[in-house]
C-alpha atoms as a PDB file:
ATOM      1  CA  LYS A   1     -44.715 208.903 376.280  1.00  0.00           C
ATOM      2  CA  LEU A   2     -45.334 212.644 375.444  1.00  0.00           C
ATOM      3  CA  ALA A   3     -45.319 211.632 371.878  1.00  0.00           C
ATOM      4  CA  ASN A   4     -48.314 208.988 372.070  1.00  0.00           C
ATOM      5  CA  GLN A   5     -50.317 211.493 374.482  1.00  0.00           C
ATOM      6  CA  LEU A   6     -49.919 214.290 371.804  1.00  0.00           C
ATOM      7  CA  ILE A   7     -50.865 211.773 368.890  1.00  0.00           C
ATOM      8  CA  LYS A   8     -54.129 210.822 371.010  1.00  0.00           C
ATOM      9  CA  ASN A   9     -55.140 214.189 370.603  1.00  0.00           C
ATOM     10  CA  GLU A  10     -57.705 215.522 368.324  1.00  0.00           C
ATOM     11  CA  GLY A  11     -56.130 219.089 367.345  1.00  0.00           C
ATOM     12  CA  SER A  12     -54.152 218.333 363.893  1.00  0.00           C
ATOM     13  CA  ASP A  13     -51.449 220.625 365.033  1.00  0.00           C
ATOM     14  CA  VAL A  14     -50.878 218.881 368.534  1.00  0.00           C
ATOM     15  CA  LYS A  15     -51.086 215.472 366.544  1.00  0.00           C
ATOM     16  CA  ALA A  16     -48.444 216.325 364.278  1.00  0.00           C
ATOM     17  CA  LEU A  17     -46.352 217.579 367.028  1.00  0.00           C
ATOM     18  CA  GLY A  18     -46.523 213.993 368.457  1.00  0.00           C
ATOM     19  CA  TYR A  19     -46.053 212.350 365.362  1.00  0.00           C
ATOM     20  CA  LEU A  20     -42.674 214.764 364.735  1.00  0.00           C
ATOM     21  CA  ILE A  21     -41.432 213.933 368.258  1.00  0.00           C
ATOM     22  CA  SER A  22     -42.010 209.928 367.806  1.00  0.00           C
ATOM     23  CA  ALA A  23     -40.245 210.220 364.194  1.00  0.00           C
ATOM     24  CA  ARG A  24     -37.420 212.050 366.021  1.00  0.00           C
ATOM     25  CA  CYS A  25     -37.304 209.654 368.401  1.00  0.00           C
ATOM     26  CA  LYS A  26     -36.934 206.622 366.247  1.00  0.00           C
ATOM     27  CA  THR A  27     -34.504 208.135 364.257  1.00  0.00           C
ATOM     28  CA  ASN A  28     -32.233 208.535 367.236  1.00  0.00           C
ATOM     29  CA  LEU A  29     -33.046 205.074 367.882  1.00  0.00           C
ATOM     30  CA  PHE A  30     -32.137 203.655 364.371  1.00  0.00           C
ATOM     31  CA  ASP A  31     -35.955 202.788 363.320  1.00  0.00           C
ATOM     32  CA  TYR A  32     -35.632 204.699 360.154  1.00  0.00           C
ATOM     33  CA  TYR A  33     -38.779 203.046 358.610  1.00  0.00           C
ATOM     34  CA  GLU A  34     -41.139 203.840 361.705  1.00  0.00           C
ATOM     35  CA  ALA A  35     -39.555 207.290 361.760  1.00  0.00           C
ATOM     36  CA  GLU A  36     -40.537 207.595 357.883  1.00  0.00           C
ATOM     37  CA  ASN A  37     -43.985 206.493 358.935  1.00  0.00           C
ATOM     38  CA  ASP A  38     -44.386 209.037 361.609  1.00  0.00           C
ATOM     39  CA  TYR A  39     -43.182 211.873 359.607  1.00  0.00           C
ATOM     40  CA  LEU A  40     -45.796 211.007 356.979  1.00  0.00           C
ATOM     41  CA  LYS A  41     -48.285 210.604 359.332  1.00  0.00           C
ATOM     42  CA  ALA A  42     -47.631 214.019 360.616  1.00  0.00           C
ATOM     43  CA  LEU A  43     -47.986 215.433 357.026  1.00  0.00           C
ATOM     44  CA  LYS A  44     -51.078 213.654 356.789  1.00  0.00           C
ATOM     45  CA  SER A  45     -52.470 215.264 359.890  1.00  0.00           C
ATOM     46  CA  GLY A  46     -52.924 218.583 357.797  1.00  0.00           C
ATOM     47  CA  ILE A  47     -49.736 220.452 358.746  1.00  0.00           C
ATOM     48  CA  ASP A  48     -47.707 221.722 356.007  1.00  0.00           C
ATOM     49  CA  SER A  49     -44.441 222.486 357.877  1.00  0.00           C
ATOM     50  CA  SER A  50     -40.988 222.937 356.553  1.00  0.00           C
ATOM     51  CA  THR A  51     -39.716 221.332 359.532  1.00  0.00           C
ATOM     52  CA  ILE A  52     -41.385 217.928 358.999  1.00  0.00           C
ATOM     53  CA  TRP A  53     -40.644 218.148 355.062  1.00  0.00           C
ATOM     54  CA  LYS A  54     -37.101 219.030 355.708  1.00  0.00           C
ATOM     55  CA  ALA A  55     -36.831 216.180 358.376  1.00  0.00           C
ATOM     56  CA  LEU A  56     -38.356 213.593 355.922  1.00  0.00           C
ATOM     57  CA  GLY A  57     -36.228 214.474 352.900  1.00  0.00           C
ATOM     58  CA  ASN A  58     -33.012 214.490 355.399  1.00  0.00           C
ATOM     59  CA  LEU A  59     -34.127 211.032 356.588  1.00  0.00           C
ATOM     60  CA  TYR A  60     -34.194 209.598 352.795  1.00  0.00           C
ATOM     61  CA  MET A  61     -31.039 211.404 352.178  1.00  0.00           C
ATOM     62  CA  ASN A  62     -29.098 210.701 355.071  1.00  0.00           C
ATOM     63  CA  LYS A  63     -29.869 207.492 356.725  1.00  0.00           C
ATOM     64  CA  LEU A  64     -32.134 205.788 354.082  1.00  0.00           C
ATOM     65  CA  ASN A  65     -29.938 206.563 351.163  1.00  0.00           C
ATOM     66  CA  ASP A  66     -32.958 206.964 349.186  1.00  0.00           C
ATOM     67  CA  TYR A  67     -31.822 209.782 347.015  1.00  0.00           C
ATOM     68  CA  PHE A  68     -34.851 209.820 344.862  1.00  0.00           C
ATOM     69  CA  LYS A  69     -37.299 210.074 347.291  1.00  0.00           C
ATOM     70  CA  ALA A  70     -35.496 212.837 348.880  1.00  0.00           C
ATOM     71  CA  GLU A  71     -35.414 214.759 345.939  1.00  0.00           C
ATOM     72  CA  LYS A  72     -39.029 214.062 345.500  1.00  0.00           C
ATOM     73  CA  VAL A  73     -39.827 215.401 349.219  1.00  0.00           C
ATOM     74  CA  TYR A  74     -37.844 218.321 348.917  1.00  0.00           C
ATOM     75  CA  LEU A  75     -39.187 219.352 345.334  1.00  0.00           C
ATOM     76  CA  LYS A  76     -42.919 218.693 346.423  1.00  0.00           C
ATOM     77  CA  TYR A  77     -42.200 220.992 349.393  1.00  0.00           C
ATOM     78  CA  ILE A  78     -40.789 223.507 346.882  1.00  0.00           C
ATOM     79  CA  SER A  79     -43.681 223.546 344.803  1.00  0.00           C
ATOM     80  CA  ASN A  80     -45.798 224.614 347.924  1.00  0.00           C
ATOM     81  CA  ASP A  81     -43.098 227.097 349.292  1.00  0.00           C
ATOM     82  CA  GLY A  82     -40.544 228.391 347.047  1.00  0.00           C
ATOM     83  CA  VAL A  83     -38.718 230.766 349.069  1.00  0.00           C
ATOM     84  CA  ASN A  84     -37.565 228.609 352.073  1.00  0.00           C
ATOM     85  CA  LYS A  85     -33.764 228.718 351.605  1.00  0.00           C
ATOM     86  CA  ASP A  86     -33.242 225.575 353.709  1.00  0.00           C
ATOM     87  CA  ILE A  87     -34.993 223.307 351.564  1.00  0.00           C
ATOM     88  CA  TRP A  88     -33.200 224.713 348.237  1.00  0.00           C
ATOM     89  CA  ILE A  89     -29.616 224.280 350.313  1.00  0.00           C
ATOM     90  CA  LYS A  90     -30.520 220.802 350.871  1.00  0.00           C
ATOM     91  CA  LEU A  91     -32.027 220.061 347.421  1.00  0.00           C
ATOM     92  CA  GLY A  92     -28.490 221.631 346.518  1.00  0.00           C
ATOM     93  CA  ASP A  93     -26.682 219.273 348.471  1.00  0.00           C
ATOM     94  CA  LEU A  94     -28.628 216.609 347.334  1.00  0.00           C
ATOM     95  CA  TYR A  95     -27.903 217.213 343.455  1.00  0.00           C
ATOM     96  CA  HIS A  96     -24.295 218.131 344.465  1.00  0.00           C
ATOM     97  CA  TYR A  97     -23.170 215.516 346.829  1.00  0.00           C
ATOM     98  CA  SER A  98     -25.199 212.638 346.245  1.00  0.00           C
ATOM     99  CA  LEU A  99     -26.912 212.422 342.686  1.00  0.00           C
ATOM    100  CA  GLU A 100     -23.926 214.446 340.978  1.00  0.00           C
ATOM    101  CA  LYS A 101     -26.376 216.515 339.028  1.00  0.00           C
ATOM    102  CA  PHE A 102     -24.094 219.663 338.973  1.00  0.00           C
ATOM    103  CA  PRO A 103     -26.203 221.914 336.901  1.00  0.00           C
ATOM    104  CA  GLU A 104     -28.982 221.149 338.927  1.00  0.00           C
ATOM    105  CA  ALA A 105     -27.137 221.867 342.246  1.00  0.00           C
ATOM    106  CA  GLU A 106     -25.680 225.292 340.655  1.00  0.00           C
ATOM    107  CA  LYS A 107     -29.269 226.522 340.132  1.00  0.00           C
ATOM    108  CA  ALA A 108     -30.757 225.047 343.774  1.00  0.00           C
ATOM    109  CA  TYR A 109     -27.337 226.932 345.205  1.00  0.00           C
ATOM    110  CA  LEU A 110     -28.257 229.909 343.061  1.00  0.00           C
ATOM    111  CA  LYS A 111     -31.801 229.956 344.248  1.00  0.00           C
ATOM    112  CA  THR A 112     -30.685 230.006 347.671  1.00  0.00           C
ATOM    113  CA  THR A 113     -28.610 233.288 347.067  1.00  0.00           C
ATOM    114  CA  GLN A 114     -31.579 234.931 345.774  1.00  0.00           C
ATOM    115  CA  ILE A 115     -33.876 234.054 348.862  1.00  0.00           C
ATOM    116  CA  ASP A 116     -30.825 234.908 351.359  1.00  0.00           C
ATOM    117  CA  ASN A 117     -27.896 236.802 349.808  1.00  0.00           C
ATOM    118  CA  PHE A 118     -26.241 236.488 353.160  1.00  0.00           C
ATOM    119  CA  TYR A 119     -25.864 232.782 353.791  1.00  0.00           C
ATOM    120  CA  PRO A 120     -22.157 231.883 354.192  1.00  0.00           C
ATOM    121  CA  THR A 121     -22.646 228.111 353.822  1.00  0.00           C
ATOM    122  CA  VAL A 122     -24.443 228.551 350.127  1.00  0.00           C
ATOM    123  CA  TRP A 123     -21.526 230.585 348.704  1.00  0.00           C
ATOM    124  CA  PHE A 124     -18.789 227.912 350.288  1.00  0.00           C
ATOM    125  CA  ARG A 125     -20.951 225.098 348.594  1.00  0.00           C
ATOM    126  CA  LEU A 126     -21.466 227.059 345.542  1.00  0.00           C
ATOM    127  CA  GLY A 127     -17.141 227.934 345.171  1.00  0.00           C
ATOM    128  CA  GLU A 128     -16.790 224.433 346.006  1.00  0.00           C
ATOM    129  CA  LEU A 129     -18.951 223.041 343.148  1.00  0.00           C
ATOM    130  CA  TYR A 130     -17.399 225.711 340.666  1.00  0.00           C
ATOM    131  CA  LYS A 131     -14.013 224.658 341.493  1.00  0.00           C
ATOM    132  CA  ASP A 132     -14.251 220.778 342.053  1.00  0.00           C
ATOM    133  CA  HIS A 133     -16.778 219.774 339.216  1.00  0.00           C
ATOM    134  CA  LEU A 134     -17.948 222.696 336.953  1.00  0.00           C
ATOM    135  CA  GLN A 135     -14.089 223.416 336.573  1.00  0.00           C
ATOM    136  CA  ASN A 136     -15.222 227.222 336.343  1.00  0.00           C
ATOM    137  CA  PHE A 137     -12.273 228.738 338.423  1.00  0.00           C
ATOM    138  CA  LYS A 138     -13.121 232.243 337.789  1.00  0.00           C
ATOM    139  CA  LYS A 139     -17.002 231.835 339.611  1.00  0.00           C
ATOM    140  CA  ALA A 140     -15.251 229.709 342.304  1.00  0.00           C
ATOM    141  CA  GLU A 141     -13.358 233.191 343.222  1.00  0.00           C
END
């Protein structure tokens, strides 16, 4: 109900929030294609939020298994805001675990470390990538 009330609002910020809430609810109800529509409507409302881009990319990557759409979404957001560590690590994870593009995963993880050198998750993933896929045990240490 709250989402529908917010969507009817004329303000683009409030409308986007309504679509975001609606999309999250639909995702929880396993209605992934309707959630996708709501995320896209939220973006079309004029709000360029990392939360929406990340959620849409995660939906493609984790629920719809559409890895190429996930890549497109992450890259689109990065082209607008290249300093969001959460999007960079998601792109690295996509390349690492789903698309098996290991050199691209390394680049994305290294970009994450440039943004936040004290982000332990990215260092773990980078070490795992070096050890398991790039056979670079010295870097893995």
